[in-house]
Amino acid sequence: MKVIIDRDLCDASLPFCQRCSAALIRYPEGSDRPCIMDIIEDDSETLTVVMHTDDRTLTIELTEEERELAAVEGWEALADFDPALFRSGAQERWRAIRQLPADH
């Protein structure tokens, strides 16, 4: 399964994002969060998380063991950089998205 996340669409602080992502990693199906752009069933044995955040794209393939860690710690435990603690600007990004044509 592949989960595509755009963290720029949410102003949640990093601690909240960690808890939210830990729950998502534990139970990826049926999750409805504003940052989730797509969930793709690819019949892979790993869970792939593609996250756009802090002007980066982070791709993490989680084995079952790594998934157990991330299900407790959140995605930040597997990142190779220090993400921003606080965020802003999501409201402006949502306004811009709202202006896009429906068939976009």
C-alpha atoms as a PDB file:
ATOM      1  CA  MET A   1       0.000   0.000   0.000  1.00  0.00           C
ATOM      2  CA  LYS A   2       1.191   3.512  -0.751  1.00  0.00           C
ATOM      3  CA  VAL A   3      -0.005   6.579   1.169  1.00  0.00           C
ATOM      4  CA  ILE A   4       0.667  10.027  -0.288  1.00  0.00           C
ATOM      5  CA  ILE A   5       0.632  12.856   2.257  1.00  0.00           C
ATOM      6  CA  ASP A   6       0.974  16.606   1.766  1.00  0.00           C
ATOM      7  CA  ARG A   7       1.814  17.977   5.185  1.00  0.00           C
ATOM      8  CA  ASP A   8       1.599  21.517   3.787  1.00  0.00           C
ATOM      9  CA  LEU A   9      -2.203  21.166   3.856  1.00  0.00           C
ATOM     10  CA  CYS A  10      -2.277  20.978   7.656  1.00  0.00           C
ATOM     11  CA  ASP A  11      -1.092  23.444  10.283  1.00  0.00           C
ATOM     12  CA  ALA A  12      -0.887  20.867  13.060  1.00  0.00           C
ATOM     13  CA  SER A  13       2.216  21.075  15.221  1.00  0.00           C
ATOM     14  CA  LEU A  14       4.803  18.324  14.914  1.00  0.00           C
ATOM     15  CA  PRO A  15       3.759  16.476  18.126  1.00  0.00           C
ATOM     16  CA  PHE A  16       0.149  16.300  16.889  1.00  0.00           C
ATOM     17  CA  CYS A  17       1.331  15.240  13.433  1.00  0.00           C
ATOM     18  CA  GLN A  18       3.428  12.470  14.982  1.00  0.00           C
ATOM     19  CA  ARG A  19       0.428  11.063  16.878  1.00  0.00           C
ATOM     20  CA  CYS A  20      -1.810  11.397  13.840  1.00  0.00           C
ATOM     21  CA  SER A  21       0.723   9.715  11.534  1.00  0.00           C
ATOM     22  CA  ALA A  22       1.334   6.931  14.055  1.00  0.00           C
ATOM     23  CA  ALA A  23      -2.378   6.119  13.980  1.00  0.00           C
ATOM     24  CA  LEU A  24      -2.375   6.300  10.179  1.00  0.00           C
ATOM     25  CA  ILE A  25       0.602   3.948   9.925  1.00  0.00           C
ATOM     26  CA  ARG A  26      -1.051   1.509  12.312  1.00  0.00           C
ATOM     27  CA  TYR A  27      -4.396   1.573  10.420  1.00  0.00           C
ATOM     28  CA  PRO A  28      -3.917   3.163   6.967  1.00  0.00           C
ATOM     29  CA  GLU A  29      -7.226   2.054   5.506  1.00  0.00           C
ATOM     30  CA  GLY A  30     -10.243   4.191   6.156  1.00  0.00           C
ATOM     31  CA  SER A  31      -8.250   7.195   7.355  1.00  0.00           C
ATOM     32  CA  ASP A  32      -9.661  10.569   6.409  1.00  0.00           C
ATOM     33  CA  ARG A  33      -7.283  13.399   7.164  1.00  0.00           C
ATOM     34  CA  PRO A  34      -6.855  16.664   5.280  1.00  0.00           C
ATOM     35  CA  CYS A  35      -3.207  15.886   4.486  1.00  0.00           C
ATOM     36  CA  ILE A  36      -3.848  12.539   2.767  1.00  0.00           C
ATOM     37  CA  MET A  37      -3.814  13.037  -0.972  1.00  0.00           C
ATOM     38  CA  ASP A  38      -4.160   9.399  -2.026  1.00  0.00           C
ATOM     39  CA  ILE A  39      -4.070   5.815  -0.775  1.00  0.00           C
ATOM     40  CA  ILE A  40      -3.035   3.350  -3.458  1.00  0.00           C
ATOM     41  CA  GLU A  41      -3.304  -0.400  -3.067  1.00  0.00           C
ATOM     42  CA  ASP A  42      -0.214  -1.776  -4.814  1.00  0.00           C
ATOM     43  CA  ASP A  43      -0.217  -5.295  -3.330  1.00  0.00           C
ATOM     44  CA  SER A  44       3.208  -4.656  -1.807  1.00  0.00           C
ATOM     45  CA  GLU A  45       4.204  -6.259   1.465  1.00  0.00           C
ATOM     46  CA  THR A  46       5.588  -2.923   2.642  1.00  0.00           C
ATOM     47  CA  LEU A  47       3.761   0.291   3.454  1.00  0.00           C
ATOM     48  CA  THR A  48       5.175   3.177   1.445  1.00  0.00           C
ATOM     49  CA  VAL A  49       4.645   6.672   2.789  1.00  0.00           C
ATOM     50  CA  VAL A  50       5.352   9.545   0.394  1.00  0.00           C
ATOM     51  CA  MET A  51       5.242  12.815   2.317  1.00  0.00           C
ATOM     52  CA  HIS A  52       5.628  16.335   1.000  1.00  0.00           C
ATOM     53  CA  THR A  53       6.823  18.561   3.857  1.00  0.00           C
ATOM     54  CA  ASP A  54       9.240  21.407   4.488  1.00  0.00           C
ATOM     55  CA  ASP A  55      10.017  21.791   0.751  1.00  0.00           C
ATOM     56  CA  ARG A  56      11.057  18.134   0.601  1.00  0.00           C
ATOM     57  CA  THR A  57       9.579  14.867  -0.534  1.00  0.00           C
ATOM     58  CA  LEU A  58      10.241  12.056   1.894  1.00  0.00           C
ATOM     59  CA  THR A  59       9.648   8.491   0.710  1.00  0.00           C
ATOM     60  CA  ILE A  60       9.726   5.798   3.365  1.00  0.00           C
ATOM     61  CA  GLU A  61       9.159   2.108   2.733  1.00  0.00           C
ATOM     62  CA  LEU A  62       8.145   0.489   5.986  1.00  0.00           C
ATOM     63  CA  THR A  63       8.778  -3.154   6.654  1.00  0.00           C
ATOM     64  CA  GLU A  64       6.641  -4.724   9.341  1.00  0.00           C
ATOM     65  CA  GLU A  65       9.336  -4.019  11.953  1.00  0.00           C
ATOM     66  CA  GLU A  66       9.735  -0.367  10.895  1.00  0.00           C
ATOM     67  CA  ARG A  67       5.975  -0.007  10.777  1.00  0.00           C
ATOM     68  CA  GLU A  68       5.735  -1.104  14.420  1.00  0.00           C
ATOM     69  CA  LEU A  69       8.233   1.616  15.381  1.00  0.00           C
ATOM     70  CA  ALA A  70       6.488   4.284  13.303  1.00  0.00           C
ATOM     71  CA  ALA A  71       3.100   3.220  14.695  1.00  0.00           C
ATOM     72  CA  VAL A  72       4.395   4.331  18.103  1.00  0.00           C
ATOM     73  CA  GLU A  73       6.780   7.175  17.237  1.00  0.00           C
ATOM     74  CA  GLY A  74       5.213   8.579  14.056  1.00  0.00           C
ATOM     75  CA  TRP A  75       6.911   9.317  10.746  1.00  0.00           C
ATOM     76  CA  GLU A  76       9.472  11.708  12.233  1.00  0.00           C
ATOM     77  CA  ALA A  77      11.350   8.794  13.827  1.00  0.00           C
ATOM     78  CA  LEU A  78      12.267   7.592  10.326  1.00  0.00           C
ATOM     79  CA  ALA A  79      12.996  10.963   8.708  1.00  0.00           C
ATOM     80  CA  ASP A  80      16.535  11.927   7.774  1.00  0.00           C
ATOM     81  CA  PHE A  81      15.993  15.604   8.688  1.00  0.00           C
ATOM     82  CA  ASP A  82      14.475  17.677  11.487  1.00  0.00           C
ATOM     83  CA  PRO A  83      10.991  18.767  10.382  1.00  0.00           C
ATOM     84  CA  ALA A  84       9.468  22.092  11.367  1.00  0.00           C
ATOM     85  CA  LEU A  85       7.900  22.054  14.815  1.00  0.00           C
ATOM     86  CA  PHE A  86       5.204  24.600  13.967  1.00  0.00           C
ATOM     87  CA  ARG A  87       3.524  25.221  10.635  1.00  0.00           C
ATOM     88  CA  SER A  88       1.332  27.858   9.068  1.00  0.00           C
ATOM     89  CA  GLY A  89      -0.168  28.716   5.705  1.00  0.00           C
ATOM     90  CA  ALA A  90      -2.496  25.750   5.207  1.00  0.00           C
ATOM     91  CA  GLN A  91      -5.547  27.986   4.981  1.00  0.00           C
ATOM     92  CA  GLU A  92      -4.026  29.931   2.070  1.00  0.00           C
ATOM     93  CA  ARG A  93      -3.119  26.691   0.302  1.00  0.00           C
ATOM     94  CA  TRP A  94      -6.677  25.363   0.720  1.00  0.00           C
ATOM     95  CA  ARG A  95      -8.034  28.643  -0.717  1.00  0.00           C
ATOM     96  CA  ALA A  96      -5.773  28.219  -3.741  1.00  0.00           C
ATOM     97  CA  ILE A  97      -6.896  24.613  -4.197  1.00  0.00           C
ATOM     98  CA  ARG A  98     -10.531  25.713  -3.994  1.00  0.00           C
ATOM     99  CA  GLN A  99      -9.938  27.945  -7.032  1.00  0.00           C
ATOM    100  CA  LEU A 100      -8.758  25.050  -9.216  1.00  0.00           C
ATOM    101  CA  PRO A 101     -11.207  23.635 -11.775  1.00  0.00           C
ATOM    102  CA  ALA A 102     -13.160  20.607 -10.551  1.00  0.00           C
ATOM    103  CA  ASP A 103     -11.590  18.370 -13.223  1.00  0.00           C
ATOM    104  CA  HIS A 104      -8.053  19.207 -12.034  1.00  0.00           C
END
